[in-house]
Amino acid sequence: MSAGDGSAEARRAAQVAIDAGLEHHRDGELAEALDCYAEAIGHDASHADAHNLQGLALLACDELEGAQAAVERAVALQPGIAHYRVSLGKVLLRQGDSGAAGEAFSAALELDPALVEAHNDLGNARLAAGDRDGAIASYSAALEQDPEYPLAALNLASTLQEEGRHAEAEQRYRDLLRDHPGHVEARSRLALLVGGDGRYEEALELCVRCRLQQPDDPVLAQRMLYFAALAGRWEHHRAALRGLAKELREELAEVLDGHSLQQAAAECRRSAGG
């Protein structure tokens, strides 16, 4: 058996290497994964999956030129596979070429109109290009295919929030949390939305629930303290200051000063040597 000869034996050997690479990839061991994908390509240079996975691993390593070359090889080998077009779009979007990325995602959808990931990623490309209406349409299309797809649900809610469509955004966040009650990011963004509308007690409650899931997240602690001060509940939550780095305490103090909450702001600056 010669290297890359495309025989059944070579493809079997390549698949063994790919399977090992996927385990490393899932565990975040990208160097080991890349070694396995290279081994697979050595066994069978026509194995499109190996090239695609190699490209995605290189993308995760921010090696964008290599990632693009690898994924383009996968597309050339199997132009009818929609997922490879999605991979190419992800690389192009990371490179800042939202137009070309959008074309790649659209090509994927021509091959597979039900591909939820492609709809969501097309939304990301449109948003990066400044087309919020188009992004909202793409995220909505993703949810039409899979109403419980969390990435599209979060992206849609966030984009609606940025557009000032708060009632729609809030409902989307709540729908997402109904289907995925452990989604901390959705709950945290919902807290900002309702807090921005002056519903400080509700925002504080949402932040407290977030911290139950991620007690060591300093940004969540800062956010909780902010709404605690606005809701008149500073004394109940002030202990969380101990977990904040100096720069986060100073940032919080400035914001609290802006709301004429000088006592809480002063305590931020005094705490832990701040």
C-alpha atoms as a PDB file:
ATOM      1  CA  MET A   1       0.000   0.000   0.000  1.00  0.00           C
ATOM      2  CA  SER A   2       1.475   3.328  -1.037  1.00  0.00           C
ATOM      3  CA  ALA A   3       0.811   6.535   0.864  1.00  0.00           C
ATOM      4  CA  GLY A   4      -2.307   8.316  -0.294  1.00  0.00           C
ATOM      5  CA  ASP A   5      -3.233   5.631  -2.821  1.00  0.00           C
ATOM      6  CA  GLY A   6      -6.975   5.813  -2.091  1.00  0.00           C
ATOM      7  CA  SER A   7      -7.333   2.063  -1.712  1.00  0.00           C
ATOM      8  CA  ALA A   8      -9.837   0.522   0.687  1.00  0.00           C
ATOM      9  CA  GLU A   9      -6.986  -0.320   3.053  1.00  0.00           C
ATOM     10  CA  ALA A  10      -5.678   3.238   2.907  1.00  0.00           C
ATOM     11  CA  ARG A  11      -9.131   4.658   3.606  1.00  0.00           C
ATOM     12  CA  ARG A  12      -9.558   2.353   6.593  1.00  0.00           C
ATOM     13  CA  ALA A  13      -6.221   3.491   7.985  1.00  0.00           C
ATOM     14  CA  ALA A  14      -7.190   7.110   7.368  1.00  0.00           C
ATOM     15  CA  GLN A  15     -10.485   6.639   9.205  1.00  0.00           C
ATOM     16  CA  VAL A  16      -8.707   5.170  12.226  1.00  0.00           C
ATOM     17  CA  ALA A  17      -6.481   8.258  12.335  1.00  0.00           C
ATOM     18  CA  ILE A  18      -9.489  10.565  11.918  1.00  0.00           C
ATOM     19  CA  ASP A  19     -11.353   8.884  14.766  1.00  0.00           C
ATOM     20  CA  ALA A  20      -8.344   9.382  17.022  1.00  0.00           C
ATOM     21  CA  GLY A  21      -8.069  12.987  15.862  1.00  0.00           C
ATOM     22  CA  LEU A  22     -11.711  13.651  16.694  1.00  0.00           C
ATOM     23  CA  GLU A  23     -11.177  12.462  20.269  1.00  0.00           C
ATOM     24  CA  HIS A  24      -8.241  14.827  20.670  1.00  0.00           C
ATOM     25  CA  HIS A  25     -10.217  17.617  18.985  1.00  0.00           C
ATOM     26  CA  ARG A  26     -13.152  17.215  21.370  1.00  0.00           C
ATOM     27  CA  ASP A  27     -10.749  17.340  24.307  1.00  0.00           C
ATOM     28  CA  GLY A  28      -9.145  20.548  23.039  1.00  0.00           C
ATOM     29  CA  GLU A  29      -5.865  18.788  22.226  1.00  0.00           C
ATOM     30  CA  LEU A  30      -5.436  20.531  18.884  1.00  0.00           C
ATOM     31  CA  ALA A  31      -1.786  19.685  18.219  1.00  0.00           C
ATOM     32  CA  GLU A  32      -2.513  15.988  18.678  1.00  0.00           C
ATOM     33  CA  ALA A  33      -5.640  16.268  16.545  1.00  0.00           C
ATOM     34  CA  LEU A  34      -3.673  17.935  13.752  1.00  0.00           C
ATOM     35  CA  ASP A  35      -1.086  15.145  13.862  1.00  0.00           C
ATOM     36  CA  CYS A  36      -3.857  12.594  13.432  1.00  0.00           C
ATOM     37  CA  TYR A  37      -5.482  14.472  10.545  1.00  0.00           C
ATOM     38  CA  ALA A  38      -2.101  14.775   8.820  1.00  0.00           C
ATOM     39  CA  GLU A  39      -1.600  11.044   9.284  1.00  0.00           C
ATOM     40  CA  ALA A  40      -5.025  10.409   7.744  1.00  0.00           C
ATOM     41  CA  ILE A  41      -4.158  12.555   4.736  1.00  0.00           C
ATOM     42  CA  GLY A  42      -0.884  10.660   4.442  1.00  0.00           C
ATOM     43  CA  HIS A  43      -2.845   7.444   4.167  1.00  0.00           C
ATOM     44  CA  ASP A  44      -5.436   8.864   1.791  1.00  0.00           C
ATOM     45  CA  ALA A  45      -4.907  12.310   0.297  1.00  0.00           C
ATOM     46  CA  SER A  46      -8.383  12.194  -1.275  1.00  0.00           C
ATOM     47  CA  HIS A  47     -10.144  11.896   2.089  1.00  0.00           C
ATOM     48  CA  ALA A  48     -12.176  15.114   2.132  1.00  0.00           C
ATOM     49  CA  ASP A  49     -13.221  14.753   5.773  1.00  0.00           C
ATOM     50  CA  ALA A  50      -9.598  14.712   6.869  1.00  0.00           C
ATOM     51  CA  HIS A  51      -8.901  17.976   5.037  1.00  0.00           C
ATOM     52  CA  ASN A  52     -12.056  19.598   6.425  1.00  0.00           C
ATOM     53  CA  LEU A  53     -11.259  18.572   9.991  1.00  0.00           C
ATOM     54  CA  GLN A  54      -7.669  19.703   9.568  1.00  0.00           C
ATOM     55  CA  GLY A  55      -8.989  23.093   8.463  1.00  0.00           C
ATOM     56  CA  LEU A  56     -11.291  23.395  11.454  1.00  0.00           C
ATOM     57  CA  ALA A  57      -8.465  22.487  13.847  1.00  0.00           C
ATOM     58  CA  LEU A  58      -6.204  25.062  12.203  1.00  0.00           C
ATOM     59  CA  LEU A  59      -9.008  27.610  12.495  1.00  0.00           C
ATOM     60  CA  ALA A  60      -9.196  26.883  16.217  1.00  0.00           C
ATOM     61  CA  CYS A  61      -5.448  27.575  16.349  1.00  0.00           C
ATOM     62  CA  ASP A  62      -5.939  30.877  14.457  1.00  0.00           C
ATOM     63  CA  GLU A  63      -3.820  29.579  11.580  1.00  0.00           C
ATOM     64  CA  LEU A  64      -6.170  31.087   9.039  1.00  0.00           C
ATOM     65  CA  GLU A  65      -4.207  30.665   5.820  1.00  0.00           C
ATOM     66  CA  GLY A  66      -3.626  26.983   6.481  1.00  0.00           C
ATOM     67  CA  ALA A  67      -7.230  26.551   7.526  1.00  0.00           C
ATOM     68  CA  GLN A  68      -8.486  28.088   4.301  1.00  0.00           C
ATOM     69  CA  ALA A  69      -6.223  25.928   2.154  1.00  0.00           C
ATOM     70  CA  ALA A  70      -7.306  22.766   3.950  1.00  0.00           C
ATOM     71  CA  VAL A  71     -11.016  23.492   3.747  1.00  0.00           C
ATOM     72  CA  GLU A  72     -10.792  24.579   0.116  1.00  0.00           C
ATOM     73  CA  ARG A  73      -9.165  21.220  -0.598  1.00  0.00           C
ATOM     74  CA  ALA A  74     -12.119  19.468   1.038  1.00  0.00           C
ATOM     75  CA  VAL A  75     -14.552  21.519  -1.076  1.00  0.00           C
ATOM     76  CA  ALA A  76     -12.614  20.718  -4.243  1.00  0.00           C
ATOM     77  CA  LEU A  77     -12.676  17.004  -3.433  1.00  0.00           C
ATOM     78  CA  GLN A  78     -16.371  16.924  -2.518  1.00  0.00           C
ATOM     79  CA  PRO A  79     -18.108  20.055  -3.870  1.00  0.00           C
ATOM     80  CA  GLY A  80     -21.541  18.646  -3.051  1.00  0.00           C
ATOM     81  CA  ILE A  81     -21.013  18.485   0.728  1.00  0.00           C
ATOM     82  CA  ALA A  82     -22.734  21.436   2.360  1.00  0.00           C
ATOM     83  CA  HIS A  83     -20.812  21.191   5.643  1.00  0.00           C
ATOM     84  CA  TYR A  84     -17.525  21.840   3.875  1.00  0.00           C
ATOM     85  CA  ARG A  85     -18.945  25.098   2.506  1.00  0.00           C
ATOM     86  CA  VAL A  86     -19.934  26.034   6.051  1.00  0.00           C
ATOM     87  CA  SER A  87     -16.376  25.368   7.219  1.00  0.00           C
ATOM     88  CA  LEU A  88     -15.053  27.603   4.452  1.00  0.00           C
ATOM     89  CA  GLY A  89     -17.470  30.333   5.433  1.00  0.00           C
ATOM     90  CA  LYS A  90     -16.328  30.160   9.051  1.00  0.00           C
ATOM     91  CA  VAL A  91     -12.705  30.618   7.986  1.00  0.00           C
ATOM     92  CA  LEU A  92     -13.555  33.531   5.679  1.00  0.00           C
ATOM     93  CA  LEU A  93     -15.640  35.197   8.380  1.00  0.00           C
ATOM     94  CA  ARG A  94     -12.769  34.910  10.852  1.00  0.00           C
ATOM     95  CA  GLN A  95     -10.556  36.548   8.227  1.00  0.00           C
ATOM     96  CA  GLY A  96     -12.970  39.479   8.136  1.00  0.00           C
ATOM     97  CA  ASP A  97     -14.342  38.791   4.658  1.00  0.00           C
ATOM     98  CA  SER A  98     -18.047  38.796   5.496  1.00  0.00           C
ATOM     99  CA  GLY A  99     -19.069  38.998   1.840  1.00  0.00           C
ATOM    100  CA  ALA A 100     -17.196  35.883   0.759  1.00  0.00           C
ATOM    101  CA  ALA A 101     -18.270  34.137   3.952  1.00  0.00           C
ATOM    102  CA  GLY A 102     -21.904  34.902   3.179  1.00  0.00           C
ATOM    103  CA  GLU A 103     -21.460  33.452  -0.311  1.00  0.00           C
ATOM    104  CA  ALA A 104     -20.036  30.255   1.171  1.00  0.00           C
ATOM    105  CA  PHE A 105     -22.918  29.888   3.636  1.00  0.00           C
ATOM    106  CA  SER A 106     -25.435  30.610   0.873  1.00  0.00           C
ATOM    107  CA  ALA A 107     -23.791  27.937  -1.272  1.00  0.00           C
ATOM    108  CA  ALA A 108     -24.152  25.504   1.610  1.00  0.00           C
ATOM    109  CA  LEU A 109     -27.856  26.315   1.837  1.00  0.00           C
ATOM    110  CA  GLU A 110     -28.301  25.738  -1.874  1.00  0.00           C
ATOM    111  CA  LEU A 111     -26.984  22.227  -1.274  1.00  0.00           C
ATOM    112  CA  ASP A 112     -28.948  21.702   1.939  1.00  0.00           C
ATOM    113  CA  PRO A 113     -31.681  24.282   2.639  1.00  0.00           C
ATOM    114  CA  ALA A 114     -32.434  22.639   6.001  1.00  0.00           C
ATOM    115  CA  LEU A 115     -28.898  23.055   7.353  1.00  0.00           C
ATOM    116  CA  VAL A 116     -29.512  24.995  10.559  1.00  0.00           C
ATOM    117  CA  GLU A 117     -25.854  25.841  11.167  1.00  0.00           C
ATOM    118  CA  ALA A 118     -25.572  27.456   7.736  1.00  0.00           C
ATOM    119  CA  HIS A 119     -28.606  29.687   8.368  1.00  0.00           C
ATOM    120  CA  ASN A 120     -27.141  30.790  11.695  1.00  0.00           C
ATOM    121  CA  ASP A 121     -23.695  31.407  10.248  1.00  0.00           C
ATOM    122  CA  LEU A 122     -25.169  33.333   7.329  1.00  0.00           C
ATOM    123  CA  GLY A 123     -26.820  35.511   9.968  1.00  0.00           C
ATOM    124  CA  ASN A 124     -23.408  36.078  11.557  1.00  0.00           C
ATOM    125  CA  ALA A 125     -21.931  37.064   8.195  1.00  0.00           C
ATOM    126  CA  ARG A 126     -24.782  39.457   7.483  1.00  0.00           C
ATOM    127  CA  LEU A 127     -24.474  40.988  10.942  1.00  0.00           C
ATOM    128  CA  ALA A 128     -20.724  41.462  10.423  1.00  0.00           C
ATOM    129  CA  ALA A 129     -21.542  43.259   7.162  1.00  0.00           C
ATOM    130  CA  GLY A 130     -23.914  45.598   9.002  1.00  0.00           C
ATOM    131  CA  ASP A 131     -27.095  44.014   7.645  1.00  0.00           C
ATOM    132  CA  ARG A 132     -29.101  43.514  10.837  1.00  0.00           C
ATOM    133  CA  ASP A 133     -32.382  42.916   9.020  1.00  0.00           C
ATOM    134  CA  GLY A 134     -30.745  40.195   6.949  1.00  0.00           C
ATOM    135  CA  ALA A 135     -29.172  38.709  10.071  1.00  0.00           C
ATOM    136  CA  ILE A 136     -32.549  38.617  11.826  1.00  0.00           C
ATOM    137  CA  ALA A 137     -34.053  36.869   8.790  1.00  0.00           C
ATOM    138  CA  SER A 138     -31.276  34.254   8.785  1.00  0.00           C
ATOM    139  CA  TYR A 139     -31.490  33.562  12.523  1.00  0.00           C
ATOM    140  CA  SER A 140     -35.262  33.265  12.169  1.00  0.00           C
ATOM    141  CA  ALA A 141     -34.810  30.819   9.301  1.00  0.00           C
ATOM    142  CA  ALA A 142     -32.506  28.717  11.481  1.00  0.00           C
ATOM    143  CA  LEU A 143     -35.169  28.597  14.179  1.00  0.00           C
ATOM    144  CA  GLU A 144     -37.803  27.616  11.639  1.00  0.00           C
ATOM    145  CA  GLN A 145     -35.699  24.532  10.960  1.00  0.00           C
ATOM    146  CA  ASP A 146     -34.972  23.889  14.655  1.00  0.00           C
ATOM    147  CA  PRO A 147     -36.967  26.015  17.134  1.00  0.00           C
ATOM    148  CA  GLU A 148     -34.690  24.949  20.008  1.00  0.00           C
ATOM    149  CA  TYR A 149     -31.333  25.715  18.332  1.00  0.00           C
ATOM    150  CA  PRO A 150     -29.638  27.760  21.074  1.00  0.00           C
ATOM    151  CA  LEU A 151     -27.039  29.623  19.015  1.00  0.00           C
ATOM    152  CA  ALA A 152     -29.588  31.052  16.612  1.00  0.00           C
ATOM    153  CA  ALA A 153     -32.010  31.826  19.439  1.00  0.00           C
ATOM    154  CA  LEU A 154     -29.349  33.754  21.353  1.00  0.00           C
ATOM    155  CA  ASN A 155     -28.130  35.554  18.232  1.00  0.00           C
ATOM    156  CA  LEU A 156     -31.660  36.530  17.257  1.00  0.00           C
ATOM    157  CA  ALA A 157     -32.501  37.842  20.718  1.00  0.00           C
ATOM    158  CA  SER A 158     -29.256  39.813  20.918  1.00  0.00           C
ATOM    159  CA  THR A 159     -29.745  41.365  17.492  1.00  0.00           C
ATOM    160  CA  LEU A 160     -33.324  42.335  18.289  1.00  0.00           C
ATOM    161  CA  GLN A 161     -32.049  43.891  21.519  1.00  0.00           C
ATOM    162  CA  GLU A 162     -29.445  45.899  19.608  1.00  0.00           C
ATOM    163  CA  GLU A 163     -32.212  47.082  17.277  1.00  0.00           C
ATOM    164  CA  GLY A 164     -34.167  48.384  20.277  1.00  0.00           C
ATOM    165  CA  ARG A 165     -36.906  45.799  19.801  1.00  0.00           C
ATOM    166  CA  HIS A 166     -36.893  44.970  23.493  1.00  0.00           C
ATOM    167  CA  ALA A 167     -40.244  43.232  23.818  1.00  0.00           C
ATOM    168  CA  GLU A 168     -39.390  40.814  21.000  1.00  0.00           C
ATOM    169  CA  ALA A 169     -35.887  40.267  22.348  1.00  0.00           C
ATOM    170  CA  GLU A 170     -37.184  39.562  25.842  1.00  0.00           C
ATOM    171  CA  GLN A 171     -39.615  36.969  24.545  1.00  0.00           C
ATOM    172  CA  ARG A 172     -36.835  35.290  22.587  1.00  0.00           C
ATOM    173  CA  TYR A 173     -34.603  35.150  25.665  1.00  0.00           C
ATOM    174  CA  ARG A 174     -37.442  33.669  27.681  1.00  0.00           C
ATOM    175  CA  ASP A 175     -38.205  31.101  24.991  1.00  0.00           C
ATOM    176  CA  LEU A 176     -34.537  30.127  24.946  1.00  0.00           C
ATOM    177  CA  LEU A 177     -34.441  29.784  28.731  1.00  0.00           C
ATOM    178  CA  ARG A 178     -37.602  27.704  28.657  1.00  0.00           C
ATOM    179  CA  ASP A 179     -35.948  25.232  26.289  1.00  0.00           C
ATOM    180  CA  HIS A 180     -32.455  25.543  27.821  1.00  0.00           C
ATOM    181  CA  PRO A 181     -32.896  26.600  31.473  1.00  0.00           C
ATOM    182  CA  GLY A 182     -29.172  26.332  32.169  1.00  0.00           C
ATOM    183  CA  HIS A 183     -28.184  28.862  29.485  1.00  0.00           C
ATOM    184  CA  VAL A 184     -26.215  31.384  31.553  1.00  0.00           C
ATOM    185  CA  GLU A 185     -25.442  33.757  28.690  1.00  0.00           C
ATOM    186  CA  ALA A 186     -29.109  34.121  27.779  1.00  0.00           C
ATOM    187  CA  ARG A 187     -30.062  34.799  31.403  1.00  0.00           C
ATOM    188  CA  SER A 188     -27.234  37.311  31.773  1.00  0.00           C
ATOM    189  CA  ARG A 189     -28.235  39.209  28.632  1.00  0.00           C
ATOM    190  CA  LEU A 190     -31.865  39.162  29.721  1.00  0.00           C
ATOM    191  CA  ALA A 191     -30.744  40.748  32.998  1.00  0.00           C
ATOM    192  CA  LEU A 192     -29.139  43.600  31.068  1.00  0.00           C
ATOM    193  CA  LEU A 193     -32.281  44.046  29.000  1.00  0.00           C
ATOM    194  CA  VAL A 194     -34.740  44.194  31.887  1.00  0.00           C
ATOM    195  CA  GLY A 195     -32.307  46.248  33.962  1.00  0.00           C
ATOM    196  CA  GLY A 196     -31.992  48.700  31.112  1.00  0.00           C
ATOM    197  CA  ASP A 197     -35.759  49.072  31.257  1.00  0.00           C
ATOM    198  CA  GLY A 198     -35.547  49.958  34.946  1.00  0.00           C
ATOM    199  CA  ARG A 199     -36.665  46.584  36.311  1.00  0.00           C
ATOM    200  CA  TYR A 200     -33.777  46.361  38.745  1.00  0.00           C
ATOM    201  CA  GLU A 201     -35.186  43.763  41.141  1.00  0.00           C
ATOM    202  CA  GLU A 202     -35.855  41.364  38.286  1.00  0.00           C
ATOM    203  CA  ALA A 203     -32.414  41.996  36.800  1.00  0.00           C
ATOM    204  CA  LEU A 204     -30.848  41.316  40.192  1.00  0.00           C
ATOM    205  CA  GLU A 205     -32.742  38.045  40.558  1.00  0.00           C
ATOM    206  CA  LEU A 206     -31.549  36.930  37.123  1.00  0.00           C
ATOM    207  CA  CYS A 207     -27.944  37.784  38.005  1.00  0.00           C
ATOM    208  CA  VAL A 208     -28.176  35.864  41.280  1.00  0.00           C
ATOM    209  CA  ARG A 209     -29.368  32.800  39.375  1.00  0.00           C
ATOM    210  CA  CYS A 210     -26.483  33.174  36.916  1.00  0.00           C
ATOM    211  CA  ARG A 211     -24.008  33.247  39.795  1.00  0.00           C
ATOM    212  CA  LEU A 212     -25.463  30.044  41.227  1.00  0.00           C
ATOM    213  CA  GLN A 213     -24.321  28.385  38.010  1.00  0.00           C
ATOM    214  CA  GLN A 214     -21.035  30.268  37.626  1.00  0.00           C
ATOM    215  CA  PRO A 215     -20.048  31.534  41.085  1.00  0.00           C
ATOM    216  CA  ASP A 216     -16.463  32.344  40.093  1.00  0.00           C
ATOM    217  CA  ASP A 217     -17.284  34.568  37.106  1.00  0.00           C
ATOM    218  CA  PRO A 218     -16.166  38.103  38.073  1.00  0.00           C
ATOM    219  CA  VAL A 219     -18.216  39.816  35.359  1.00  0.00           C
ATOM    220  CA  LEU A 220     -21.390  38.198  36.672  1.00  0.00           C
ATOM    221  CA  ALA A 221     -20.447  39.314  40.192  1.00  0.00           C
ATOM    222  CA  GLN A 222     -19.891  42.878  38.997  1.00  0.00           C
ATOM    223  CA  ARG A 223     -23.208  42.871  37.163  1.00  0.00           C
ATOM    224  CA  MET A 224     -25.037  41.513  40.207  1.00  0.00           C
ATOM    225  CA  LEU A 225     -23.534  44.219  42.431  1.00  0.00           C
ATOM    226  CA  TYR A 226     -24.545  46.898  39.942  1.00  0.00           C
ATOM    227  CA  PHE A 227     -28.192  45.845  39.987  1.00  0.00           C
ATOM    228  CA  ALA A 228     -28.096  45.245  43.738  1.00  0.00           C
ATOM    229  CA  ALA A 229     -27.111  48.885  44.234  1.00  0.00           C
ATOM    230  CA  LEU A 230     -29.793  50.123  41.836  1.00  0.00           C
ATOM    231  CA  ALA A 231     -32.418  47.945  43.522  1.00  0.00           C
ATOM    232  CA  GLY A 232     -31.452  49.163  47.003  1.00  0.00           C
ATOM    233  CA  ARG A 233     -30.122  45.728  47.930  1.00  0.00           C
ATOM    234  CA  TRP A 234     -26.422  46.584  48.200  1.00  0.00           C
ATOM    235  CA  GLU A 235     -26.092  45.384  51.803  1.00  0.00           C
ATOM    236  CA  HIS A 236     -27.349  41.930  50.868  1.00  0.00           C
ATOM    237  CA  HIS A 237     -24.742  41.386  48.145  1.00  0.00           C
ATOM    238  CA  ARG A 238     -21.751  43.556  49.043  1.00  0.00           C
ATOM    239  CA  ALA A 239     -19.692  40.469  50.040  1.00  0.00           C
ATOM    240  CA  ALA A 240     -19.281  39.700  46.344  1.00  0.00           C
ATOM    241  CA  LEU A 241     -16.834  42.619  46.140  1.00  0.00           C
ATOM    242  CA  ARG A 242     -14.145  40.308  47.502  1.00  0.00           C
ATOM    243  CA  GLY A 243     -14.157  38.388  44.240  1.00  0.00           C
ATOM    244  CA  LEU A 244     -13.566  41.413  42.028  1.00  0.00           C
ATOM    245  CA  ALA A 245     -10.203  42.522  40.711  1.00  0.00           C
ATOM    246  CA  LYS A 246      -9.235  46.124  41.341  1.00  0.00           C
ATOM    247  CA  GLU A 247     -10.028  47.267  37.800  1.00  0.00           C
ATOM    248  CA  LEU A 248     -13.517  45.773  37.973  1.00  0.00           C
ATOM    249  CA  ARG A 249     -14.184  47.473  41.316  1.00  0.00           C
ATOM    250  CA  GLU A 250     -13.024  50.816  39.919  1.00  0.00           C
ATOM    251  CA  GLU A 251     -15.147  50.374  36.817  1.00  0.00           C
ATOM    252  CA  LEU A 252     -18.176  49.542  38.944  1.00  0.00           C
ATOM    253  CA  ALA A 253     -17.516  52.546  41.196  1.00  0.00           C
ATOM    254  CA  GLU A 254     -17.546  54.907  38.216  1.00  0.00           C
ATOM    255  CA  VAL A 255     -20.851  53.502  36.990  1.00  0.00           C
ATOM    256  CA  LEU A 256     -22.392  53.741  40.451  1.00  0.00           C
ATOM    257  CA  ASP A 257     -21.192  57.341  40.757  1.00  0.00           C
ATOM    258  CA  GLY A 258     -23.047  58.044  37.542  1.00  0.00           C
ATOM    259  CA  HIS A 259     -26.241  56.854  39.223  1.00  0.00           C
ATOM    260  CA  SER A 260     -25.582  59.009  42.323  1.00  0.00           C
ATOM    261  CA  LEU A 261     -24.896  55.893  44.426  1.00  0.00           C
ATOM    262  CA  GLN A 262     -21.834  57.416  46.068  1.00  0.00           C
ATOM    263  CA  GLN A 263     -21.846  55.279  49.214  1.00  0.00           C
ATOM    264  CA  ALA A 264     -21.697  52.030  47.277  1.00  0.00           C
ATOM    265  CA  ALA A 265     -19.146  53.536  44.890  1.00  0.00           C
ATOM    266  CA  ALA A 266     -16.929  54.583  47.789  1.00  0.00           C
ATOM    267  CA  GLU A 267     -17.089  51.111  49.245  1.00  0.00           C
ATOM    268  CA  CYS A 268     -16.019  49.655  45.904  1.00  0.00           C
ATOM    269  CA  ARG A 269     -12.919  51.839  45.988  1.00  0.00           C
ATOM    270  CA  ARG A 270     -12.106  51.091  49.625  1.00  0.00           C
ATOM    271  CA  SER A 271     -12.601  47.333  49.471  1.00  0.00           C
ATOM    272  CA  ALA A 272      -9.667  44.968  49.271  1.00  0.00           C
ATOM    273  CA  GLY A 273      -7.123  47.761  49.098  1.00  0.00           C
ATOM    274  CA  GLY A 274      -8.840  49.423  46.125  1.00  0.00           C
END
